[in-house]
């Protein structure tokens, strides 16, 4: 009898699963890759199937019982989740592909749609956010492109891939006993969360991804502005975000979620497996902060974020959950996860640079690429940023009404205008 493989669900998997259950978001990651010609469909399917050896959970379904949660392997072929749509209206088909839903409970946990015109392809990929954060998603895309390129040159090629560790324990192994004790005992200060009120009505049946782009020359100005003010590019993004929220709502006390990549604690910033290694800090803007200019807002952002970046306190919740899921019952641990993990309703996530040299599909030129996060449910609101070839893409995703989506589009326009490139 053939053995059915099961993989334990990590606490980070459960965290994203709860977000879906509670209708905070659809816990999907999305990307659009634009090519100047047609991809080789047969080779892409082979590459996709080989890539699942690195992340076999892509071909699993998720099971939850009172005693625990796990991923169980299922039988899928590439035809089950790789689709070709030939069209004369590529924009409409890309939008349609971007809002496709995966089934966590049935699988598979990834979907590819090639939107093809007579001369070009756009590849839309959706992955279950339970399996990877933004950095993990990029890692997967790099692996896919490398496998595709090798298979195109050598049809007999087979990558030597294995799952590796998906656990957050790989982060905590980097710390001494004394540091672990500090993580457990050093609580972040409990501050009142100030969620700005946006005019979002929400519509669960009408999801949409909205994005806009900033040219390379303008993004270079953002980098220079950050250096001049001894800040990071992410700090500048948060300053522009805070200013835009303030201008839009007239609220002066703001809490904005800021995801941080824990790979910074790993050797060469490399994870042992494709997974979620993200923690959260909060950008707190108080009523005494000066939001009249980008420069003064940037100082308020740095005042809030800089101490948190240097502290181990943001790791406490994740270390605590690792211990709770090991030592307590699943039902207790899940409730603890829901209680302990709480972030502001408004967030800005900088998924970062998509590295062109690592995302190369042999025989094709990638002319554009961006990644965006999960589709939120009102009142949750997020803006995501990615950069490819020096061009910034800002996106926002929501299950909302037509007026909601128009408001989001205008918000992105205002956010762009608040960036230093437009000053």
Protein backbone atom coordinates (compact mmCIF):
# COMPACT_ATOMS: atom_id res chain seq x y z
CA UNK A 1 0.00 0.00 0.00
CA UNK A 2 1.37 3.41 -1.00
CA UNK A 3 2.31 5.61 1.94
CA UNK A 4 0.65 9.04 2.07
CA UNK A 5 3.10 11.74 3.10
CA UNK A 6 2.08 14.32 5.66
CA UNK A 7 3.88 17.52 6.60
CA UNK A 8 3.30 19.31 9.92
CA UNK A 9 1.73 22.76 9.74
CA UNK A 10 3.98 25.45 11.18
CA UNK A 11 2.62 28.10 13.59
CA UNK A 12 3.13 30.66 10.82
CA UNK A 13 0.89 28.55 8.54
CA UNK A 14 -1.84 28.66 11.18
CA UNK A 15 -1.43 32.41 11.59
CA UNK A 16 -2.29 32.97 7.91
CA UNK A 17 -5.04 30.33 8.01
CA UNK A 18 -6.73 32.26 10.84
CA UNK A 19 -6.53 35.47 8.78
CA UNK A 20 -8.50 33.74 6.06
CA UNK A 21 -11.02 32.29 8.52
CA UNK A 22 -11.59 35.69 10.11
CA UNK A 23 -12.00 37.34 6.69
CA UNK A 24 -9.03 39.64 7.11
CA UNK A 25 -7.61 38.54 3.75
CA UNK A 26 -7.62 35.66 1.30
CA UNK A 27 -4.05 34.65 2.30
CA UNK A 28 -2.88 34.54 -1.35
CA UNK A 29 0.28 36.02 -2.89
CA UNK A 30 0.14 37.31 -6.46
CA UNK A 31 2.62 38.17 -9.20
CA UNK A 32 2.50 39.17 -12.87
CA UNK A 33 5.50 38.50 -15.15
CA UNK A 34 5.41 40.04 -18.62
CA UNK A 35 7.45 38.51 -21.47
CA UNK A 36 8.30 39.80 -24.94
CA UNK A 37 7.44 36.46 -26.56
CA UNK A 38 5.77 33.12 -25.84
CA UNK A 39 7.01 30.79 -23.12
CA UNK A 40 7.40 27.11 -23.93
CA UNK A 41 4.28 25.67 -22.31
CA UNK A 42 5.53 22.07 -22.17
CA UNK A 43 8.82 23.11 -20.56
CA UNK A 44 7.01 25.38 -18.09
CA UNK A 45 4.83 22.49 -16.94
CA UNK A 46 7.88 20.29 -16.42
CA UNK A 47 9.61 23.07 -14.49
CA UNK A 48 6.54 23.60 -12.33
CA UNK A 49 6.35 19.92 -11.43
CA UNK A 50 10.05 19.78 -10.60
CA UNK A 51 9.76 22.91 -8.46
CA UNK A 52 7.26 21.15 -6.21
CA UNK A 53 10.08 18.89 -5.02
CA UNK A 54 11.45 21.95 -3.22
CA UNK A 55 8.01 22.78 -1.82
CA UNK A 56 5.89 19.59 -1.98
CA UNK A 57 3.19 21.30 0.08
CA UNK A 58 2.12 23.00 -3.16
CA UNK A 59 0.58 19.65 -4.14
CA UNK A 60 -1.03 19.05 -0.75
CA UNK A 61 -4.32 19.82 0.89
CA UNK A 62 -4.64 21.24 4.39
CA UNK A 63 -6.23 19.20 7.15
CA UNK A 64 -7.21 20.51 10.56
CA UNK A 65 -8.40 18.31 13.43
CA UNK A 66 -8.87 18.97 17.13
CA UNK A 67 -5.47 17.35 17.70
CA UNK A 68 -3.49 19.31 15.13
CA UNK A 69 -3.08 20.56 11.58
CA UNK A 70 -1.03 19.14 8.73
CA UNK A 71 -0.52 19.16 4.98
CA UNK A 72 -1.36 15.89 3.20
CA UNK A 73 -0.09 15.03 -0.24
CA UNK A 74 -2.59 14.77 -3.08
CA UNK A 75 -2.22 13.70 -6.69
CA UNK A 76 -2.13 16.57 -9.18
CA UNK A 77 -0.73 16.98 -12.66
CA UNK A 78 0.46 20.28 -14.13
CA UNK A 79 -2.78 20.47 -16.12
CA UNK A 80 -4.62 20.92 -12.81
CA UNK A 81 -3.01 24.28 -12.08
CA UNK A 82 -1.24 25.54 -15.22
CA UNK A 83 -3.64 27.23 -17.64
CA UNK A 84 -3.33 28.97 -21.01
CA UNK A 85 -5.68 31.78 -22.02
CA UNK A 86 -5.32 33.15 -25.55
CA UNK A 87 -6.90 36.57 -25.89
CA UNK A 88 -7.04 39.92 -27.63
CA UNK A 89 -7.86 41.57 -24.27
CA UNK A 90 -4.87 40.71 -22.07
CA UNK A 91 -5.52 43.32 -19.37
CA UNK A 92 -8.97 41.95 -18.64
CA UNK A 93 -7.67 38.37 -18.54
CA UNK A 94 -4.77 39.30 -16.25
CA UNK A 95 -7.21 40.96 -13.87
CA UNK A 96 -9.42 37.88 -13.99
CA UNK A 97 -6.47 35.56 -13.32
CA UNK A 98 -5.23 37.68 -10.41
CA UNK A 99 -8.43 37.23 -8.40
CA UNK A 100 -8.67 33.46 -8.90
CA UNK A 101 -9.09 31.66 -5.57
CA UNK A 102 -7.15 28.62 -4.39
CA UNK A 103 -8.67 25.97 -2.15
CA UNK A 104 -6.56 25.46 0.96
CA UNK A 105 -8.61 22.42 2.01
CA UNK A 106 -8.52 20.72 -1.41
CA UNK A 107 -5.34 21.98 -3.10
CA UNK A 108 -3.29 22.57 -5.08
CA UNK A 109 -1.77 25.58 -3.32
CA UNK A 110 -0.54 27.37 -6.45
CA UNK A 111 -1.97 28.42 -9.80
CA UNK A 112 -0.33 29.57 -13.06
CA UNK A 113 -2.21 31.37 -15.83
CA UNK A 114 -0.46 32.27 -19.08
CA UNK A 115 -2.32 35.16 -20.69
CA UNK A 116 -1.21 35.00 -24.33
CA UNK A 117 -1.57 37.47 -27.19
CA UNK A 118 -0.24 36.93 -30.69
CA UNK A 119 3.23 38.16 -29.65
CA UNK A 120 3.55 38.22 -25.84
CA UNK A 121 2.85 36.24 -22.66
CA UNK A 122 1.94 37.42 -19.20
CA UNK A 123 2.36 34.82 -16.49
CA UNK A 124 0.11 35.26 -13.45
CA UNK A 125 1.10 33.18 -10.43
CA UNK A 126 -0.93 32.84 -7.23
CA UNK A 127 0.47 31.02 -4.19
CA UNK A 128 -1.08 30.26 -0.82
CA UNK A 129 0.41 32.79 1.63
CA UNK A 130 0.40 30.07 4.30
CA UNK A 131 3.38 28.50 2.53
CA UNK A 132 5.56 31.55 1.99
CA UNK A 133 6.00 35.23 2.71
CA UNK A 134 7.04 37.73 0.03
CA UNK A 135 10.72 36.77 0.26
CA UNK A 136 9.84 33.07 0.10
CA UNK A 137 7.64 33.71 -2.93
CA UNK A 138 10.57 35.43 -4.70
CA UNK A 139 12.78 32.48 -3.80
CA UNK A 140 10.25 30.15 -5.42
CA UNK A 141 10.05 32.25 -8.60
CA UNK A 142 13.85 32.29 -8.88
CA UNK A 143 13.91 28.51 -8.55
CA UNK A 144 11.18 28.12 -11.17
CA UNK A 145 12.98 30.32 -13.70
CA UNK A 146 16.28 28.50 -13.15
CA UNK A 147 14.62 25.10 -13.60
CA UNK A 148 12.77 26.31 -16.72
CA UNK A 149 16.00 27.64 -18.26
CA UNK A 150 17.91 24.43 -17.58
CA UNK A 151 15.11 22.27 -18.99
CA UNK A 152 14.89 24.41 -22.13
CA UNK A 153 18.58 23.79 -22.79
CA UNK A 154 18.58 20.16 -21.62
CA UNK A 155 15.24 18.27 -21.63
CA UNK A 156 16.83 15.55 -19.46
CA UNK A 157 17.73 18.03 -16.70
CA UNK A 158 16.46 17.25 -13.23
CA UNK A 159 17.08 19.58 -10.32
CA UNK A 160 18.33 18.11 -7.04
CA UNK A 161 15.74 19.60 -4.69
CA UNK A 162 14.50 18.90 -1.17
CA UNK A 163 12.08 20.56 1.23
CA UNK A 164 14.49 21.82 3.88
CA UNK A 165 13.24 23.40 7.10
CA UNK A 166 10.13 25.59 7.09
CA UNK A 167 10.29 26.22 10.84
CA UNK A 168 10.92 29.51 12.62
CA UNK A 169 13.20 27.51 14.90
CA UNK A 170 15.99 28.12 12.35
CA UNK A 171 15.84 31.77 13.40
CA UNK A 172 15.91 31.13 17.13
CA UNK A 173 18.84 28.71 16.77
CA UNK A 174 20.93 31.76 15.89
CA UNK A 175 20.50 33.20 19.40
CA UNK A 176 22.29 32.37 22.63
CA UNK A 177 20.44 31.12 25.71
CA UNK A 178 20.74 34.60 27.20
CA UNK A 179 19.28 36.22 24.06
CA UNK A 180 16.39 33.72 24.01
CA UNK A 181 15.64 34.61 27.62
CA UNK A 182 15.65 38.28 26.64
CA UNK A 183 13.25 37.57 23.76
CA UNK A 184 10.81 35.81 26.11
CA UNK A 185 10.96 38.35 28.91
CA UNK A 186 11.32 41.67 27.07
CA UNK A 187 7.79 42.71 26.20
CA UNK A 188 7.14 45.43 23.71
CA UNK A 189 5.24 48.30 25.29
CA UNK A 190 1.50 47.90 24.97
CA UNK A 191 0.36 50.91 23.00
CA UNK A 192 -3.13 51.87 21.95
CA UNK A 193 -3.70 50.95 18.31
CA UNK A 194 -5.06 53.83 16.28
CA UNK A 195 -6.68 52.37 13.17
CA UNK A 196 -7.53 55.13 10.68
CA UNK A 197 -11.09 55.02 9.40
CA UNK A 198 -11.32 54.74 5.64
CA UNK A 199 -14.54 55.06 3.58
CA UNK A 200 -14.41 51.40 2.54
CA UNK A 201 -17.72 49.54 2.33
CA UNK A 202 -16.31 46.21 1.15
CA UNK A 203 -17.82 43.58 -1.13
CA UNK A 204 -16.65 39.96 -0.65
CA UNK A 205 -17.81 39.13 -4.18
CA UNK A 206 -15.83 41.86 -5.93
CA UNK A 207 -12.05 41.44 -5.43
CA UNK A 208 -9.65 43.64 -7.39
CA UNK A 209 -5.90 44.28 -7.58
CA UNK A 210 -4.91 47.88 -8.37
CA UNK A 211 -1.38 48.99 -9.16
CA UNK A 212 0.61 51.96 -10.40
CA UNK A 213 4.25 52.48 -11.35
CA UNK A 214 7.02 55.00 -10.72
CA UNK A 215 9.77 55.32 -13.38
CA UNK A 216 13.36 54.34 -12.64
CA UNK A 217 14.65 57.94 -12.63
CA UNK A 218 12.11 58.91 -9.98
CA UNK A 219 12.93 55.89 -7.82
CA UNK A 220 16.61 56.87 -7.91
CA UNK A 221 15.58 60.16 -6.31
CA UNK A 222 13.87 58.26 -3.49
CA UNK A 223 17.08 56.33 -2.81
CA UNK A 224 19.07 59.56 -2.74
CA UNK A 225 16.52 61.24 -0.46
CA UNK A 226 16.76 58.32 1.97
CA UNK A 227 20.58 58.52 2.06
CA UNK A 228 20.51 62.28 2.58
CA UNK A 229 18.20 61.89 5.57
CA UNK A 230 20.03 58.85 7.02
CA UNK A 231 16.95 56.73 6.48
CA UNK A 232 16.07 53.56 4.60
CA UNK A 233 13.96 53.50 1.45
CA UNK A 234 11.34 51.68 3.54
CA UNK A 235 11.32 54.57 6.02
CA UNK A 236 10.60 56.97 3.15
CA UNK A 237 7.76 54.73 1.94
CA UNK A 238 6.25 54.76 5.44
CA UNK A 239 6.56 58.53 5.67
CA UNK A 240 4.71 58.95 2.35
CA UNK A 241 2.12 56.37 3.48
CA UNK A 242 1.56 58.15 6.81
CA UNK A 243 1.24 61.52 5.08
CA UNK A 244 -1.27 60.13 2.60
CA UNK A 245 -3.37 58.49 5.34
CA UNK A 246 -3.31 61.76 7.30
CA UNK A 247 -4.32 63.82 4.25
CA UNK A 248 -7.05 61.34 3.36
CA UNK A 249 -8.60 60.94 6.81
CA UNK A 250 -7.44 64.09 8.70
CA UNK A 251 -6.41 61.75 11.53
CA UNK A 252 -3.13 62.51 13.33
CA UNK A 253 -2.81 59.36 15.46
CA UNK A 254 -2.00 56.43 13.20
CA UNK A 255 -0.87 52.82 13.60
CA UNK A 256 0.54 51.20 10.45
CA UNK A 257 1.77 47.61 10.38
CA UNK A 258 5.33 47.06 9.14
CA UNK A 259 6.35 43.46 8.26
CA UNK A 260 10.05 42.69 8.79
CA UNK A 261 12.06 39.84 7.25
CA UNK A 262 13.66 37.63 9.91
CA UNK A 263 16.13 36.22 7.39
CA UNK A 264 18.42 39.05 8.48
CA UNK A 265 19.35 36.82 11.43
CA UNK A 266 20.33 33.87 9.19
CA UNK A 267 23.76 33.25 7.60
CA UNK A 268 23.79 35.05 4.22
CA UNK A 269 20.11 35.87 4.93
CA UNK A 270 19.17 32.47 3.46
CA UNK A 271 16.40 30.24 4.75
CA UNK A 272 16.74 26.44 4.82
CA UNK A 273 13.40 26.08 3.03
CA UNK A 274 10.73 28.15 1.29
CA UNK A 275 8.53 29.40 4.11
CA UNK A 276 7.23 32.33 6.19
CA UNK A 277 9.93 34.12 8.17
CA UNK A 278 8.21 37.43 8.79
CA UNK A 279 7.57 39.31 12.02
CA UNK A 280 5.77 42.62 12.54
CA UNK A 281 6.52 45.97 14.09
CA UNK A 282 4.18 48.97 14.18
CA UNK A 283 4.79 52.47 12.89
CA UNK A 284 3.14 54.68 15.51
CA UNK A 285 2.36 58.29 14.60
CA UNK A 286 1.09 60.33 17.56
CA UNK A 287 -0.86 63.56 17.72
CA UNK A 288 2.25 65.61 18.56
CA UNK A 289 4.11 64.52 15.41
CA UNK A 290 4.47 67.05 12.62
CA UNK A 291 2.95 65.64 9.43
CA UNK A 292 3.06 68.87 7.45
CA UNK A 293 5.99 67.79 5.29
CA UNK A 294 7.60 64.57 4.14
CA UNK A 295 10.79 65.46 5.99
CA UNK A 296 9.07 66.00 9.35
CA UNK A 297 6.92 62.89 8.83
CA UNK A 298 10.07 60.88 8.06
CA UNK A 299 11.54 61.93 11.40
CA UNK A 300 8.37 60.72 13.15
CA UNK A 301 8.59 57.40 11.32
CA UNK A 302 12.25 56.93 12.24
CA UNK A 303 11.51 57.82 15.88
CA UNK A 304 8.94 55.01 15.94
CA UNK A 305 10.62 52.32 13.83
CA UNK A 306 14.35 52.65 14.59
CA UNK A 307 14.19 51.39 18.21
CA UNK A 308 11.97 48.46 17.16
CA UNK A 309 14.34 47.42 14.37
CA UNK A 310 17.20 47.15 16.90
CA UNK A 311 15.14 45.34 19.55
CA UNK A 312 14.50 41.63 20.02
CA UNK A 313 11.08 42.39 21.52
CA UNK A 314 9.19 41.92 18.19
CA UNK A 315 10.35 38.27 18.17
CA UNK A 316 8.65 37.47 21.47
CA UNK A 317 5.23 36.58 20.07
CA UNK A 318 6.71 34.22 17.49
CA UNK A 319 9.06 32.49 19.94
CA UNK A 320 6.20 32.14 22.42
CA UNK A 321 3.94 30.60 19.76
CA UNK A 322 6.67 28.14 18.75
CA UNK A 323 6.81 26.94 22.36
CA UNK A 324 3.03 26.90 22.81
CA UNK A 325 2.42 24.84 19.66
CA UNK A 326 5.03 22.33 20.87
CA UNK A 327 3.81 21.98 24.44
CA UNK A 328 0.07 22.70 24.44
CA UNK A 329 -2.95 21.20 22.71
CA UNK A 330 -3.68 22.38 19.17
CA UNK A 331 -6.97 24.03 20.13
CA UNK A 332 -5.24 25.95 22.95
CA UNK A 333 -2.35 26.95 20.68
CA UNK A 334 -4.65 28.14 17.90
CA UNK A 335 -6.61 30.32 20.31
CA UNK A 336 -3.33 31.66 21.69
CA UNK A 337 -2.17 32.48 18.16
CA UNK A 338 -5.36 34.40 17.47
CA UNK A 339 -5.00 36.33 20.72
CA UNK A 340 -1.27 37.03 20.62
CA UNK A 341 -0.93 37.86 16.95
CA UNK A 342 -2.78 41.11 16.43
CA UNK A 343 -1.67 43.84 14.03
CA UNK A 344 -3.16 47.17 12.92
CA UNK A 345 -5.79 47.09 10.18
CA UNK A 346 -3.66 49.33 7.95
CA UNK A 347 -0.33 48.07 6.63
CA UNK A 348 2.45 48.84 4.20
CA UNK A 349 4.60 45.93 3.05
CA UNK A 350 7.80 46.43 1.11
CA UNK A 351 8.42 43.09 -0.62
CA UNK A 352 11.58 44.64 -1.97
CA UNK A 353 13.75 44.21 -5.04
CA UNK A 354 12.97 41.45 -7.53
CA UNK A 355 16.46 40.49 -8.73
CA UNK A 356 16.62 40.43 -12.51
CA UNK A 357 19.65 38.13 -12.69
CA UNK A 358 17.83 35.52 -10.56
CA UNK A 359 14.57 35.71 -12.50
CA UNK A 360 15.74 34.73 -15.97
CA UNK A 361 13.70 32.53 -18.30
CA UNK A 362 15.98 31.30 -21.08
CA UNK A 363 14.76 32.27 -24.55
CA UNK A 364 12.50 35.04 -23.26
CA UNK A 365 13.00 38.59 -22.04
CA UNK A 366 11.15 39.58 -18.90
CA UNK A 367 10.01 43.14 -19.55
CA UNK A 368 8.07 43.72 -16.33
CA UNK A 369 7.37 42.04 -13.00
CA UNK A 370 5.70 42.94 -9.72
CA UNK A 371 4.45 41.10 -6.65
CA UNK A 372 1.48 42.06 -4.53
CA UNK A 373 0.07 40.69 -1.31
CA UNK A 374 -3.22 39.19 -0.25
CA UNK A 375 -6.64 40.51 -1.17
CA UNK A 376 -7.94 42.22 1.96
CA UNK A 377 -11.48 42.45 3.31
CA UNK A 378 -12.67 45.86 4.56
CA UNK A 379 -11.81 47.50 6.92
CA UNK A 380 -8.34 45.99 6.40
CA UNK A 381 -6.22 47.96 3.94
CA UNK A 382 -2.71 47.40 2.63
CA UNK A 383 -0.29 48.89 0.14
CA UNK A 384 2.55 46.72 -1.19
CA UNK A 385 5.76 47.77 -2.94
CA UNK A 386 8.14 45.88 -5.22
CA UNK A 387 10.97 47.09 -7.41
CA UNK A 388 12.13 45.54 -10.70
CA UNK A 389 14.90 47.05 -12.82
CA UNK A 390 14.71 50.20 -10.74
CA UNK A 391 10.99 50.69 -11.42
CA UNK A 392 8.73 50.84 -8.37
CA UNK A 393 5.26 49.25 -8.39
CA UNK A 394 2.77 50.12 -5.67
CA UNK A 395 -0.32 47.93 -5.38
CA UNK A 396 -3.36 47.56 -3.18
CA UNK A 397 -5.84 44.68 -3.09
CA UNK A 398 -9.39 44.61 -1.75
CA UNK A 399 -12.70 42.83 -1.91
CA UNK A 400 -14.63 46.04 -2.40
CA UNK A 401 -17.26 48.04 -4.21
CA UNK A 402 -16.60 50.01 -7.38
CA UNK A 403 -16.36 53.18 -5.28
CA UNK A 404 -13.91 51.44 -2.91
CA UNK A 405 -11.66 50.59 -5.83
CA UNK A 406 -11.82 54.13 -7.14
CA UNK A 407 -10.88 55.42 -3.68
CA UNK A 408 -7.93 53.00 -3.62
CA UNK A 409 -6.75 54.15 -7.04
CA UNK A 410 -6.82 57.78 -5.90
CA UNK A 411 -5.02 56.82 -2.69
CA UNK A 412 -2.15 55.29 -4.69
CA UNK A 413 -1.97 58.42 -6.85
CA UNK A 414 -1.74 60.62 -3.73
CA UNK A 415 0.87 58.30 -2.24
CA UNK A 416 2.98 58.59 -5.39
CA UNK A 417 2.71 62.39 -5.22
CA UNK A 418 3.96 62.35 -1.63
CA UNK A 419 7.15 60.49 -2.55
CA UNK A 420 10.25 62.70 -2.81
CA UNK A 421 10.59 62.05 -6.55
CA UNK A 422 7.51 64.21 -7.04
CA UNK A 423 8.44 66.99 -4.63
